[in-house]
Amino acid sequence: PKMPRIKSKFSSLLSQAPSKNPAGTRSMCRVFKNFDNHDTQNVVRRRRIFESATVLAVGIQAGPAKAGFKEPPPITTTSSPEAVALAKDLAKLDTVFYGAHWCSHCMNQKKVLGKEAFSLIRYVECADDGVNSQRGLCKRKDIQGYPTWEIAGEQYPGEFALTDLRALVDDILDERAQRETASHGLAAPSKWEVNLLYDSECPVCNAEAEFLKSHDPQGKILFTDISSPDYNPTESKNGGVSYEDAMERIHAVSPDGEIYQGVEVFRRTYNAIGLGWLFALSKAPVIGDFADGLYDTWAANRLRLTGRSDLADQIKRRREMKKTQCTENPDVNDGGNSRKCPSLT
């Protein structure tokens, strides 16, 4: 049967989930929807199918029918503090857990959470012969297999590891926090640890920035190109560092406005991406002095060594370029074609 829609960033997780049955199907207990259709012309055929089927989709044995309503097996595992915290967050997201008393994958999921954590989550029994069965609700929700999580209105079929469920919940909570922050007109909280001010027109500097980007999948470093006409030192992220100062020595700025220069910039940026050990020796007294001196020599000769004119010419060229793109007194009636210049340095 067709699976319910799943958020795109978690679809690969579900499709790659390991299965316990040789057919390689997803770790969930499927149900045959046509068993609920009481078309009298097909009753005999369906009965034969049911009697001959010992495994439903993932190898879950249906078991013989018994009189009376059936309860799921008791949860015997004790919840970890992490599982209880996760269950509390799931409850905040109006989470519903759809399952069946005979479903082994439902039981596995409950064991992963533990009895204390699972008691905080709303459980809906979908089997007709289960205690407190809500089969009608399961049909209206188009539940195709068990277990199925409904979190913040979205369905996520299958059995999840605790870490994967935690990641899913964190993602949903982060999205909510960002929407709430935006609705109050506030900037979303920053995740970067250091803002690197670099000169993209310098081939060596640009190669260094590209290397850092390739090793920074989590966005720990914010990259700001000082050679861009839009570079504005008055922006808080840039710490008031002028174009001239940034061209003379490499700079970086922390989220709280602390400014770093020279070799310290490399220590901070490499540490942010987990490669801080490469510059660990530069903190030693003798080696640190040598590294600082080596960088100062490079910085003083960087423009010449990379085939560019001196800093005075760079500043002059930048002023001329900016004057052609903006005006100190933008005309508010020109349809937005003119804009106020940022600081020329």
C-alpha atoms as a PDB file:
ATOM      1  CA  PRO A   1       0.000   0.000   0.000  1.00  0.00           C
ATOM      2  CA  LYS A   2       0.983   3.584  -0.549  1.00  0.00           C
ATOM      3  CA  MET A   3       2.930   5.107   2.338  1.00  0.00           C
ATOM      4  CA  PRO A   4       1.860   8.372   3.970  1.00  0.00           C
ATOM      5  CA  ARG A   5       3.864  11.481   3.192  1.00  0.00           C
ATOM      6  CA  ILE A   6       7.049  11.879   5.158  1.00  0.00           C
ATOM      7  CA  LYS A   7       9.237  14.957   5.541  1.00  0.00           C
ATOM      8  CA  SER A   8      11.870  14.851   2.821  1.00  0.00           C
ATOM      9  CA  LYS A   9      14.870  15.101   5.162  1.00  0.00           C
ATOM     10  CA  PHE A  10      13.769  11.923   6.989  1.00  0.00           C
ATOM     11  CA  SER A  11      12.610   9.886   3.984  1.00  0.00           C
ATOM     12  CA  SER A  12      16.127   8.553   3.385  1.00  0.00           C
ATOM     13  CA  LEU A  13      16.333   7.484   7.016  1.00  0.00           C
ATOM     14  CA  LEU A  14      13.160   5.427   6.662  1.00  0.00           C
ATOM     15  CA  SER A  15      14.127   3.943   3.306  1.00  0.00           C
ATOM     16  CA  GLN A  16      17.496   2.829   4.662  1.00  0.00           C
ATOM     17  CA  ALA A  17      16.178   1.479   7.981  1.00  0.00           C
ATOM     18  CA  PRO A  18      17.457  -2.082   8.536  1.00  0.00           C
ATOM     19  CA  SER A  19      14.811  -4.804   8.430  1.00  0.00           C
ATOM     20  CA  LYS A  20      14.589  -8.004  10.424  1.00  0.00           C
ATOM     21  CA  ASN A  21      12.969 -10.014   7.648  1.00  0.00           C
ATOM     22  CA  PRO A  22      14.642 -11.513   4.557  1.00  0.00           C
ATOM     23  CA  ALA A  23      12.377  -9.647   2.151  1.00  0.00           C
ATOM     24  CA  GLY A  24      14.011  -6.373   3.161  1.00  0.00           C
ATOM     25  CA  THR A  25      10.771  -4.558   3.908  1.00  0.00           C
ATOM     26  CA  ARG A  26      10.634  -1.600   6.295  1.00  0.00           C
ATOM     27  CA  SER A  27      10.599  -2.251  10.037  1.00  0.00           C
ATOM     28  CA  MET A  28       6.886  -1.960  10.559  1.00  0.00           C
ATOM     29  CA  CYS A  29       3.854  -4.239  10.644  1.00  0.00           C
ATOM     30  CA  ARG A  30       1.675  -3.873   7.553  1.00  0.00           C
ATOM     31  CA  VAL A  31      -2.072  -4.410   7.376  1.00  0.00           C
ATOM     32  CA  PHE A  32      -4.220  -5.413   4.414  1.00  0.00           C
ATOM     33  CA  LYS A  33      -6.692  -2.593   3.883  1.00  0.00           C
ATOM     34  CA  ASN A  34      -9.069  -4.770   1.889  1.00  0.00           C
ATOM     35  CA  PHE A  35      -9.768  -6.899   4.998  1.00  0.00           C
ATOM     36  CA  ASP A  36     -12.015  -4.059   6.138  1.00  0.00           C
ATOM     37  CA  ASN A  37     -14.114  -4.179   2.968  1.00  0.00           C
ATOM     38  CA  HIS A  38     -17.062  -6.501   3.560  1.00  0.00           C
ATOM     39  CA  ASP A  39     -17.904  -7.110  -0.062  1.00  0.00           C
ATOM     40  CA  THR A  40     -19.884 -10.369   0.176  1.00  0.00           C
ATOM     41  CA  GLN A  41     -18.604 -11.565  -3.226  1.00  0.00           C
ATOM     42  CA  ASN A  42     -15.044 -11.675  -1.879  1.00  0.00           C
ATOM     43  CA  VAL A  43     -15.584 -12.928   1.688  1.00  0.00           C
ATOM     44  CA  VAL A  44     -14.544 -16.514   0.912  1.00  0.00           C
ATOM     45  CA  ARG A  45     -11.466 -15.437  -1.009  1.00  0.00           C
ATOM     46  CA  ARG A  46     -10.334 -13.091   1.763  1.00  0.00           C
ATOM     47  CA  ARG A  47     -10.903 -15.770   4.400  1.00  0.00           C
ATOM     48  CA  ARG A  48      -8.672 -18.180   2.490  1.00  0.00           C
ATOM     49  CA  ILE A  49      -6.002 -15.512   2.139  1.00  0.00           C
ATOM     50  CA  PHE A  50      -6.156 -14.786   5.870  1.00  0.00           C
ATOM     51  CA  GLU A  51      -5.993 -18.454   6.835  1.00  0.00           C
ATOM     52  CA  SER A  52      -2.988 -19.116   4.594  1.00  0.00           C
ATOM     53  CA  ALA A  53      -1.042 -15.965   5.518  1.00  0.00           C
ATOM     54  CA  THR A  54       1.249 -16.722   8.457  1.00  0.00           C
ATOM     55  CA  VAL A  55       3.306 -13.556   8.032  1.00  0.00           C
ATOM     56  CA  LEU A  56       2.068 -10.021   7.356  1.00  0.00           C
ATOM     57  CA  ALA A  57       4.598  -8.036   5.263  1.00  0.00           C
ATOM     58  CA  VAL A  58       7.513  -8.026   7.718  1.00  0.00           C
ATOM     59  CA  GLY A  59       7.128 -11.523   9.007  1.00  0.00           C
ATOM     60  CA  ILE A  60       4.885 -10.700  11.954  1.00  0.00           C
ATOM     61  CA  GLN A  61       2.761 -13.708  12.825  1.00  0.00           C
ATOM     62  CA  ALA A  62      -0.857 -12.776  13.305  1.00  0.00           C
ATOM     63  CA  GLY A  63      -1.535 -15.569  15.772  1.00  0.00           C
ATOM     64  CA  PRO A  64      -4.757 -17.450  16.326  1.00  0.00           C
ATOM     65  CA  ALA A  65      -7.911 -15.562  17.162  1.00  0.00           C
ATOM     66  CA  LYS A  66      -9.011 -15.578  20.784  1.00  0.00           C
ATOM     67  CA  ALA A  67     -12.250 -14.610  22.413  1.00  0.00           C
ATOM     68  CA  GLY A  68     -12.441 -11.176  24.029  1.00  0.00           C
ATOM     69  CA  PHE A  69     -10.352  -8.061  23.591  1.00  0.00           C
ATOM     70  CA  LYS A  70      -6.569  -8.258  23.728  1.00  0.00           C
ATOM     71  CA  GLU A  71      -4.038  -5.972  25.367  1.00  0.00           C
ATOM     72  CA  PRO A  72      -0.507  -5.280  24.093  1.00  0.00           C
ATOM     73  CA  PRO A  73       2.241  -7.055  26.065  1.00  0.00           C
ATOM     74  CA  PRO A  74       3.448  -5.095  29.098  1.00  0.00           C
ATOM     75  CA  ILE A  75       6.539  -2.885  28.722  1.00  0.00           C
ATOM     76  CA  THR A  76       9.270  -4.324  30.941  1.00  0.00           C
ATOM     77  CA  THR A  77      12.153  -1.934  30.185  1.00  0.00           C
ATOM     78  CA  THR A  78      12.973   1.058  32.383  1.00  0.00           C
ATOM     79  CA  SER A  79      13.270   4.438  30.682  1.00  0.00           C
ATOM     80  CA  SER A  80      16.556   6.332  30.606  1.00  0.00           C
ATOM     81  CA  PRO A  81      16.562  10.059  31.518  1.00  0.00           C
ATOM     82  CA  GLU A  82      17.090  10.815  27.820  1.00  0.00           C
ATOM     83  CA  ALA A  83      14.036   8.783  26.858  1.00  0.00           C
ATOM     84  CA  VAL A  84      11.864  10.545  29.445  1.00  0.00           C
ATOM     85  CA  ALA A  85      13.053  13.959  28.218  1.00  0.00           C
ATOM     86  CA  LEU A  86      12.290  12.902  24.641  1.00  0.00           C
ATOM     87  CA  ALA A  87       8.802  11.706  25.617  1.00  0.00           C
ATOM     88  CA  LYS A  88       8.074  15.058  27.271  1.00  0.00           C
ATOM     89  CA  ASP A  89       9.054  16.864  24.064  1.00  0.00           C
ATOM     90  CA  LEU A  90       6.930  14.452  22.023  1.00  0.00           C
ATOM     91  CA  ALA A  91       3.975  15.245  24.274  1.00  0.00           C
ATOM     92  CA  LYS A  92       4.490  18.973  23.598  1.00  0.00           C
ATOM     93  CA  LEU A  93       4.127  18.190  19.886  1.00  0.00           C
ATOM     94  CA  ASP A  94       0.761  16.434  20.351  1.00  0.00           C
ATOM     95  CA  THR A  95       2.302  13.091  19.438  1.00  0.00           C
ATOM     96  CA  VAL A  96       0.156  10.007  18.816  1.00  0.00           C
ATOM     97  CA  PHE A  97       1.528   6.469  18.522  1.00  0.00           C
ATOM     98  CA  TYR A  98      -0.623   4.195  16.336  1.00  0.00           C
ATOM     99  CA  GLY A  99      -0.131   0.459  16.808  1.00  0.00           C
ATOM    100  CA  ALA A 100      -1.711  -2.964  17.280  1.00  0.00           C
ATOM    101  CA  HIS A 101      -1.507  -5.384  20.191  1.00  0.00           C
ATOM    102  CA  TRP A 102      -0.023  -8.098  17.951  1.00  0.00           C
ATOM    103  CA  CYS A 103       2.609  -5.874  16.321  1.00  0.00           C
ATOM    104  CA  SER A 104       6.153  -6.865  17.364  1.00  0.00           C
ATOM    105  CA  HIS A 105       7.691  -3.702  15.936  1.00  0.00           C
ATOM    106  CA  CYS A 106       5.329  -1.630  18.053  1.00  0.00           C
ATOM    107  CA  MET A 107       6.560  -3.571  21.071  1.00  0.00           C
ATOM    108  CA  ASN A 108      10.181  -3.045  20.073  1.00  0.00           C
ATOM    109  CA  GLN A 109       9.568   0.699  19.851  1.00  0.00           C
ATOM    110  CA  LYS A 110       7.944   0.743  23.279  1.00  0.00           C
ATOM    111  CA  LYS A 111      10.903  -1.133  24.767  1.00  0.00           C
ATOM    112  CA  VAL A 112      13.298   1.409  23.285  1.00  0.00           C
ATOM    113  CA  LEU A 113      11.466   4.206  25.102  1.00  0.00           C
ATOM    114  CA  GLY A 114      10.707   2.267  28.301  1.00  0.00           C
ATOM    115  CA  LYS A 115       7.530   2.152  30.352  1.00  0.00           C
ATOM    116  CA  GLU A 116       7.974   5.527  32.106  1.00  0.00           C
ATOM    117  CA  ALA A 117       8.567   7.429  28.879  1.00  0.00           C
ATOM    118  CA  PHE A 118       5.872   5.659  26.868  1.00  0.00           C
ATOM    119  CA  SER A 119       3.283   6.403  29.566  1.00  0.00           C
ATOM    120  CA  LEU A 120       3.624  10.083  28.582  1.00  0.00           C
ATOM    121  CA  ILE A 121       2.653   9.389  24.960  1.00  0.00           C
ATOM    122  CA  ARG A 122      -0.866   8.908  23.636  1.00  0.00           C
ATOM    123  CA  TYR A 123      -1.346   5.373  22.298  1.00  0.00           C
ATOM    124  CA  VAL A 124      -4.071   4.463  19.797  1.00  0.00           C
ATOM    125  CA  GLU A 125      -4.969   0.793  19.338  1.00  0.00           C
ATOM    126  CA  CYS A 126      -5.844   0.086  15.708  1.00  0.00           C
ATOM    127  CA  ALA A 127      -6.635  -3.643  15.875  1.00  0.00           C
ATOM    128  CA  ASP A 128     -10.347  -4.452  15.891  1.00  0.00           C
ATOM    129  CA  ASP A 129      -9.946  -6.955  18.700  1.00  0.00           C
ATOM    130  CA  GLY A 130      -7.661  -4.783  20.819  1.00  0.00           C
ATOM    131  CA  VAL A 131      -8.637  -3.201  24.140  1.00  0.00           C
ATOM    132  CA  ASN A 132      -9.958   0.347  23.597  1.00  0.00           C
ATOM    133  CA  SER A 133      -9.758  -0.135  19.830  1.00  0.00           C
ATOM    134  CA  GLN A 134     -10.029   3.060  17.784  1.00  0.00           C
ATOM    135  CA  ARG A 135     -10.092   1.367  14.422  1.00  0.00           C
ATOM    136  CA  GLY A 136     -12.294   4.097  12.968  1.00  0.00           C
ATOM    137  CA  LEU A 137      -9.743   6.787  13.824  1.00  0.00           C
ATOM    138  CA  CYS A 138      -6.943   4.701  12.302  1.00  0.00           C
ATOM    139  CA  LYS A 139      -8.937   4.381   9.068  1.00  0.00           C
ATOM    140  CA  ARG A 140      -9.695   8.109   8.958  1.00  0.00           C
ATOM    141  CA  LYS A 141      -5.997   8.841   9.443  1.00  0.00           C
ATOM    142  CA  ASP A 142      -5.213   6.338   6.653  1.00  0.00           C
ATOM    143  CA  ILE A 143      -2.748   4.441   8.842  1.00  0.00           C
ATOM    144  CA  GLN A 144      -1.064   1.948   6.514  1.00  0.00           C
ATOM    145  CA  GLY A 145       1.128   0.026   8.968  1.00  0.00           C
ATOM    146  CA  TYR A 146       2.339  -0.179  12.524  1.00  0.00           C
ATOM    147  CA  PRO A 147       3.895   1.533  14.279  1.00  0.00           C
ATOM    148  CA  THR A 148       3.091   4.944  12.856  1.00  0.00           C
ATOM    149  CA  TRP A 149       4.093   8.087  14.723  1.00  0.00           C
ATOM    150  CA  GLU A 150       2.040  11.237  14.282  1.00  0.00           C
ATOM    151  CA  ILE A 151       4.195  14.159  15.441  1.00  0.00           C
ATOM    152  CA  ALA A 152       3.011  17.752  15.080  1.00  0.00           C
ATOM    153  CA  GLY A 153       0.428  16.608  12.535  1.00  0.00           C
ATOM    154  CA  GLU A 154       2.892  14.701  10.298  1.00  0.00           C
ATOM    155  CA  GLN A 155       2.983  10.903  10.007  1.00  0.00           C
ATOM    156  CA  TYR A 156       6.263   8.992  10.333  1.00  0.00           C
ATOM    157  CA  PRO A 157       5.761   5.241   9.782  1.00  0.00           C
ATOM    158  CA  GLY A 158       8.181   2.681  11.133  1.00  0.00           C
ATOM    159  CA  GLU A 159      10.372   1.852  14.098  1.00  0.00           C
ATOM    160  CA  PHE A 160      12.937   4.521  15.103  1.00  0.00           C
ATOM    161  CA  ALA A 161      16.131   4.364  17.102  1.00  0.00           C
ATOM    162  CA  LEU A 162      16.087   6.719  20.077  1.00  0.00           C
ATOM    163  CA  THR A 163      18.749   8.975  18.527  1.00  0.00           C
ATOM    164  CA  ASP A 164      16.844   9.251  15.237  1.00  0.00           C
ATOM    165  CA  LEU A 165      13.624  10.102  17.053  1.00  0.00           C
ATOM    166  CA  ARG A 166      15.500  12.713  19.095  1.00  0.00           C
ATOM    167  CA  ALA A 167      16.912  14.279  15.909  1.00  0.00           C
ATOM    168  CA  LEU A 168      13.453  14.418  14.329  1.00  0.00           C
ATOM    169  CA  VAL A 169      11.921  16.078  17.392  1.00  0.00           C
ATOM    170  CA  ASP A 170      14.785  18.580  17.686  1.00  0.00           C
ATOM    171  CA  ASP A 171      14.329  19.548  14.052  1.00  0.00           C
ATOM    172  CA  ILE A 172      10.610  20.177  14.537  1.00  0.00           C
ATOM    173  CA  LEU A 173      11.210  22.174  17.729  1.00  0.00           C
ATOM    174  CA  ASP A 174      13.914  24.270  16.018  1.00  0.00           C
ATOM    175  CA  GLU A 175      11.554  25.085  13.148  1.00  0.00           C
ATOM    176  CA  ARG A 176       8.884  26.167  15.621  1.00  0.00           C
ATOM    177  CA  ALA A 177      11.355  28.334  17.527  1.00  0.00           C
ATOM    178  CA  GLN A 178      12.500  30.036  14.328  1.00  0.00           C
ATOM    179  CA  ARG A 179       8.926  30.741  13.263  1.00  0.00           C
ATOM    180  CA  GLU A 180       8.095  32.169  16.676  1.00  0.00           C
ATOM    181  CA  THR A 181      11.230  34.302  16.644  1.00  0.00           C
ATOM    182  CA  ALA A 182      10.441  35.607  13.163  1.00  0.00           C
ATOM    183  CA  SER A 183       6.858  36.398  14.160  1.00  0.00           C
ATOM    184  CA  HIS A 184       8.176  38.663  16.919  1.00  0.00           C
ATOM    185  CA  GLY A 185      10.465  40.489  14.498  1.00  0.00           C
ATOM    186  CA  LEU A 186      13.665  39.107  16.049  1.00  0.00           C
ATOM    187  CA  ALA A 187      16.667  37.622  14.274  1.00  0.00           C
ATOM    188  CA  ALA A 188      16.987  33.867  14.522  1.00  0.00           C
ATOM    189  CA  PRO A 189      19.653  32.735  16.963  1.00  0.00           C
ATOM    190  CA  SER A 190      23.036  32.286  15.300  1.00  0.00           C
ATOM    191  CA  LYS A 191      24.710  28.896  15.052  1.00  0.00           C
ATOM    192  CA  TRP A 192      28.092  30.104  13.755  1.00  0.00           C
ATOM    193  CA  GLU A 193      31.028  30.346  16.154  1.00  0.00           C
ATOM    194  CA  VAL A 194      33.357  32.674  14.265  1.00  0.00           C
ATOM    195  CA  ASN A 195      32.995  35.089  11.334  1.00  0.00           C
ATOM    196  CA  LEU A 196      36.038  34.940   9.037  1.00  0.00           C
ATOM    197  CA  LEU A 197      36.748  38.189   7.172  1.00  0.00           C
ATOM    198  CA  TYR A 198      38.668  37.140   4.066  1.00  0.00           C
ATOM    199  CA  ASP A 199      39.732  38.652   0.741  1.00  0.00           C
ATOM    200  CA  SER A 200      38.319  36.545  -2.104  1.00  0.00           C
ATOM    201  CA  GLU A 201      40.491  38.417  -4.660  1.00  0.00           C
ATOM    202  CA  CYS A 202      43.581  36.962  -2.988  1.00  0.00           C
ATOM    203  CA  PRO A 203      44.084  33.476  -4.489  1.00  0.00           C
ATOM    204  CA  VAL A 204      45.830  32.120  -1.390  1.00  0.00           C
ATOM    205  CA  CYS A 205      43.193  33.559   0.960  1.00  0.00           C
ATOM    206  CA  ASN A 206      40.370  32.286  -1.210  1.00  0.00           C
ATOM    207  CA  ALA A 207      41.887  28.791  -1.368  1.00  0.00           C
ATOM    208  CA  GLU A 208      42.124  28.790   2.436  1.00  0.00           C
ATOM    209  CA  ALA A 209      38.468  29.835   2.723  1.00  0.00           C
ATOM    210  CA  GLU A 210      37.384  27.112   0.305  1.00  0.00           C
ATOM    211  CA  PHE A 211      39.285  24.508   2.321  1.00  0.00           C
ATOM    212  CA  LEU A 212      37.540  25.607   5.505  1.00  0.00           C
ATOM    213  CA  LYS A 213      34.138  25.567   3.788  1.00  0.00           C
ATOM    214  CA  SER A 214      34.693  22.014   2.555  1.00  0.00           C
ATOM    215  CA  HIS A 215      35.359  20.881   6.141  1.00  0.00           C
ATOM    216  CA  ASP A 216      32.517  22.836   7.734  1.00  0.00           C
ATOM    217  CA  PRO A 217      29.247  20.998   6.980  1.00  0.00           C
ATOM    218  CA  GLN A 218      27.621  22.309  10.178  1.00  0.00           C
ATOM    219  CA  GLY A 219      28.197  25.975   9.340  1.00  0.00           C
ATOM    220  CA  LYS A 220      30.374  26.759  12.352  1.00  0.00           C
ATOM    221  CA  ILE A 221      32.228  29.423  10.357  1.00  0.00           C
ATOM    222  CA  LEU A 222      30.559  32.446   8.769  1.00  0.00           C
ATOM    223  CA  PHE A 223      32.484  33.620   5.695  1.00  0.00           C
ATOM    224  CA  THR A 224      32.420  37.333   4.919  1.00  0.00           C
ATOM    225  CA  ASP A 225      34.147  38.559   1.768  1.00  0.00           C
ATOM    226  CA  ILE A 226      35.693  41.974   2.469  1.00  0.00           C
ATOM    227  CA  SER A 227      36.319  42.532  -1.254  1.00  0.00           C
ATOM    228  CA  SER A 228      32.576  42.528  -1.914  1.00  0.00           C
ATOM    229  CA  PRO A 229      31.092  45.991  -2.601  1.00  0.00           C
ATOM    230  CA  ASP A 230      28.453  45.174  -0.003  1.00  0.00           C
ATOM    231  CA  TYR A 231      30.931  44.638   2.833  1.00  0.00           C
ATOM    232  CA  ASN A 232      29.837  46.899   5.674  1.00  0.00           C
ATOM    233  CA  PRO A 233      32.029  47.128   8.792  1.00  0.00           C
ATOM    234  CA  THR A 234      29.155  48.609  10.805  1.00  0.00           C
ATOM    235  CA  GLU A 235      27.215  45.337  10.720  1.00  0.00           C
ATOM    236  CA  SER A 236      27.443  43.705  14.144  1.00  0.00           C
ATOM    237  CA  LYS A 237      28.804  40.453  12.726  1.00  0.00           C
ATOM    238  CA  ASN A 238      31.800  42.354  11.286  1.00  0.00           C
ATOM    239  CA  GLY A 239      32.780  43.923  14.601  1.00  0.00           C
ATOM    240  CA  GLY A 240      33.507  47.374  13.131  1.00  0.00           C
ATOM    241  CA  VAL A 241      36.590  46.082  11.273  1.00  0.00           C
ATOM    242  CA  SER A 242      37.273  48.455   8.376  1.00  0.00           C
ATOM    243  CA  TYR A 243      38.187  47.322   4.889  1.00  0.00           C
ATOM    244  CA  GLU A 244      41.683  48.793   5.309  1.00  0.00           C
ATOM    245  CA  ASP A 245      42.341  46.969   8.604  1.00  0.00           C
ATOM    246  CA  ALA A 246      40.970  43.708   7.214  1.00  0.00           C
ATOM    247  CA  MET A 247      43.253  44.013   4.180  1.00  0.00           C
ATOM    248  CA  GLU A 248      46.346  44.656   6.308  1.00  0.00           C
ATOM    249  CA  ARG A 249      45.838  41.636   8.595  1.00  0.00           C
ATOM    250  CA  ILE A 250      43.357  38.799   8.586  1.00  0.00           C
ATOM    251  CA  HIS A 251      40.497  39.272  11.075  1.00  0.00           C
ATOM    252  CA  ALA A 252      37.711  37.195  12.559  1.00  0.00           C
ATOM    253  CA  VAL A 253      34.819  38.113  14.861  1.00  0.00           C
ATOM    254  CA  SER A 254      32.980  36.022  17.451  1.00  0.00           C
ATOM    255  CA  PRO A 255      29.158  36.197  17.828  1.00  0.00           C
ATOM    256  CA  ASP A 256      29.579  38.373  20.936  1.00  0.00           C
ATOM    257  CA  GLY A 257      31.825  40.840  19.083  1.00  0.00           C
ATOM    258  CA  GLU A 258      35.307  39.728  20.168  1.00  0.00           C
ATOM    259  CA  ILE A 259      37.865  40.423  17.422  1.00  0.00           C
ATOM    260  CA  TYR A 260      40.776  38.129  16.524  1.00  0.00           C
ATOM    261  CA  GLN A 261      43.777  38.916  14.303  1.00  0.00           C
ATOM    262  CA  GLY A 262      46.678  37.105  12.694  1.00  0.00           C
ATOM    263  CA  VAL A 263      47.499  33.521  13.645  1.00  0.00           C
ATOM    264  CA  GLU A 264      44.764  33.551  16.304  1.00  0.00           C
ATOM    265  CA  VAL A 265      42.229  33.642  13.461  1.00  0.00           C
ATOM    266  CA  PHE A 266      43.521  30.310  12.174  1.00  0.00           C
ATOM    267  CA  ARG A 267      43.429  28.814  15.655  1.00  0.00           C
ATOM    268  CA  ARG A 268      39.789  29.863  16.085  1.00  0.00           C
ATOM    269  CA  THR A 269      38.548  28.815  12.649  1.00  0.00           C
ATOM    270  CA  TYR A 270      40.317  25.453  12.634  1.00  0.00           C
ATOM    271  CA  ASN A 271      39.173  24.733  16.165  1.00  0.00           C
ATOM    272  CA  ALA A 272      35.546  25.448  15.111  1.00  0.00           C
ATOM    273  CA  ILE A 273      35.675  22.634  12.538  1.00  0.00           C
ATOM    274  CA  GLY A 274      37.497  20.164  14.780  1.00  0.00           C
ATOM    275  CA  LEU A 275      40.983  20.654  13.307  1.00  0.00           C
ATOM    276  CA  GLY A 276      42.373  22.828  16.084  1.00  0.00           C
ATOM    277  CA  TRP A 277      45.213  20.362  16.663  1.00  0.00           C
ATOM    278  CA  LEU A 278      46.866  21.640  13.460  1.00  0.00           C
ATOM    279  CA  PHE A 279      47.615  24.934  15.215  1.00  0.00           C
ATOM    280  CA  ALA A 280      48.021  23.610  18.763  1.00  0.00           C
ATOM    281  CA  LEU A 281      51.814  24.052  18.709  1.00  0.00           C
ATOM    282  CA  SER A 282      51.446  27.701  17.681  1.00  0.00           C
ATOM    283  CA  LYS A 283      50.452  28.439  21.293  1.00  0.00           C
ATOM    284  CA  ALA A 284      53.881  27.422  22.595  1.00  0.00           C
ATOM    285  CA  PRO A 285      56.086  30.475  23.472  1.00  0.00           C
ATOM    286  CA  VAL A 286      58.913  30.026  20.972  1.00  0.00           C
ATOM    287  CA  ILE A 287      56.885  28.403  18.192  1.00  0.00           C
ATOM    288  CA  GLY A 288      54.093  30.943  18.695  1.00  0.00           C
ATOM    289  CA  ASP A 289      56.473  33.879  18.256  1.00  0.00           C
ATOM    290  CA  PHE A 290      57.891  32.295  15.107  1.00  0.00           C
ATOM    291  CA  ALA A 291      54.385  31.698  13.685  1.00  0.00           C
ATOM    292  CA  ASP A 292      53.360  35.288  14.414  1.00  0.00           C
ATOM    293  CA  GLY A 293      56.491  36.637  12.749  1.00  0.00           C
ATOM    294  CA  LEU A 294      56.030  34.430   9.710  1.00  0.00           C
ATOM    295  CA  TYR A 295      52.432  35.572   9.301  1.00  0.00           C
ATOM    296  CA  ASP A 296      53.372  39.262   9.737  1.00  0.00           C
ATOM    297  CA  THR A 297      55.912  38.890   6.916  1.00  0.00           C
ATOM    298  CA  TRP A 298      53.301  37.299   4.679  1.00  0.00           C
ATOM    299  CA  ALA A 299      50.673  39.932   5.494  1.00  0.00           C
ATOM    300  CA  ALA A 300      53.065  42.786   4.730  1.00  0.00           C
ATOM    301  CA  ASN A 301      53.887  41.355   1.296  1.00  0.00           C
ATOM    302  CA  ARG A 302      50.622  39.570   0.447  1.00  0.00           C
ATOM    303  CA  LEU A 303      49.410  41.945  -2.255  1.00  0.00           C
ATOM    304  CA  ARG A 304      52.771  42.068  -4.034  1.00  0.00           C
ATOM    305  CA  LEU A 305      53.277  38.302  -3.840  1.00  0.00           C
ATOM    306  CA  THR A 306      49.846  37.674  -5.367  1.00  0.00           C
ATOM    307  CA  GLY A 307      50.414  40.144  -8.213  1.00  0.00           C
ATOM    308  CA  ARG A 308      48.212  42.993  -7.004  1.00  0.00           C
ATOM    309  CA  SER A 309      48.775  46.692  -6.462  1.00  0.00           C
ATOM    310  CA  ASP A 310      49.472  48.127  -3.017  1.00  0.00           C
ATOM    311  CA  LEU A 311      46.812  48.766  -0.392  1.00  0.00           C
ATOM    312  CA  ALA A 312      46.433  52.470  -1.231  1.00  0.00           C
ATOM    313  CA  ASP A 313      45.530  51.577  -4.816  1.00  0.00           C
ATOM    314  CA  GLN A 314      43.132  48.896  -3.594  1.00  0.00           C
ATOM    315  CA  ILE A 315      41.307  51.405  -1.391  1.00  0.00           C
ATOM    316  CA  LYS A 316      41.149  53.959  -4.218  1.00  0.00           C
ATOM    317  CA  ARG A 317      39.773  51.368  -6.625  1.00  0.00           C
ATOM    318  CA  ARG A 318      37.193  50.310  -4.056  1.00  0.00           C
ATOM    319  CA  ARG A 319      36.013  53.893  -3.508  1.00  0.00           C
ATOM    320  CA  GLU A 320      35.563  54.429  -7.239  1.00  0.00           C
ATOM    321  CA  MET A 321      33.700  51.150  -7.634  1.00  0.00           C
ATOM    322  CA  LYS A 322      31.320  51.940  -4.796  1.00  0.00           C
ATOM    323  CA  LYS A 323      30.570  55.424  -6.052  1.00  0.00           C
ATOM    324  CA  THR A 324      29.305  53.953  -9.316  1.00  0.00           C
ATOM    325  CA  GLN A 325      26.961  51.599  -7.451  1.00  0.00           C
ATOM    326  CA  CYS A 326      25.478  53.768  -4.751  1.00  0.00           C
ATOM    327  CA  THR A 327      24.877  57.322  -3.578  1.00  0.00           C
ATOM    328  CA  GLU A 328      25.278  59.040  -0.249  1.00  0.00           C
ATOM    329  CA  ASN A 329      21.731  60.446  -0.617  1.00  0.00           C
ATOM    330  CA  PRO A 330      19.531  57.777  -2.210  1.00  0.00           C
ATOM    331  CA  ASP A 331      16.373  58.952  -3.927  1.00  0.00           C
ATOM    332  CA  VAL A 332      13.393  57.248  -2.272  1.00  0.00           C
ATOM    333  CA  ASN A 333      11.285  58.042  -5.332  1.00  0.00           C
ATOM    334  CA  ASP A 334      13.451  56.283  -7.919  1.00  0.00           C
ATOM    335  CA  GLY A 335      11.885  52.858  -7.437  1.00  0.00           C
ATOM    336  CA  GLY A 336      14.767  51.555  -5.357  1.00  0.00           C
ATOM    337  CA  ASN A 337      17.412  51.923  -8.089  1.00  0.00           C
ATOM    338  CA  SER A 338      19.712  53.912  -5.833  1.00  0.00           C
ATOM    339  CA  ARG A 339      20.932  52.831  -2.435  1.00  0.00           C
ATOM    340  CA  LYS A 340      22.902  54.437   0.356  1.00  0.00           C
ATOM    341  CA  CYS A 341      26.606  53.577   0.364  1.00  0.00           C
ATOM    342  CA  PRO A 342      27.999  51.527   3.188  1.00  0.00           C
ATOM    343  CA  SER A 343      31.244  52.733   4.702  1.00  0.00           C
ATOM    344  CA  LEU A 344      33.811  53.215   1.923  1.00  0.00           C
ATOM    345  CA  THR A 345      36.487  51.593   4.063  1.00  0.00           C
END
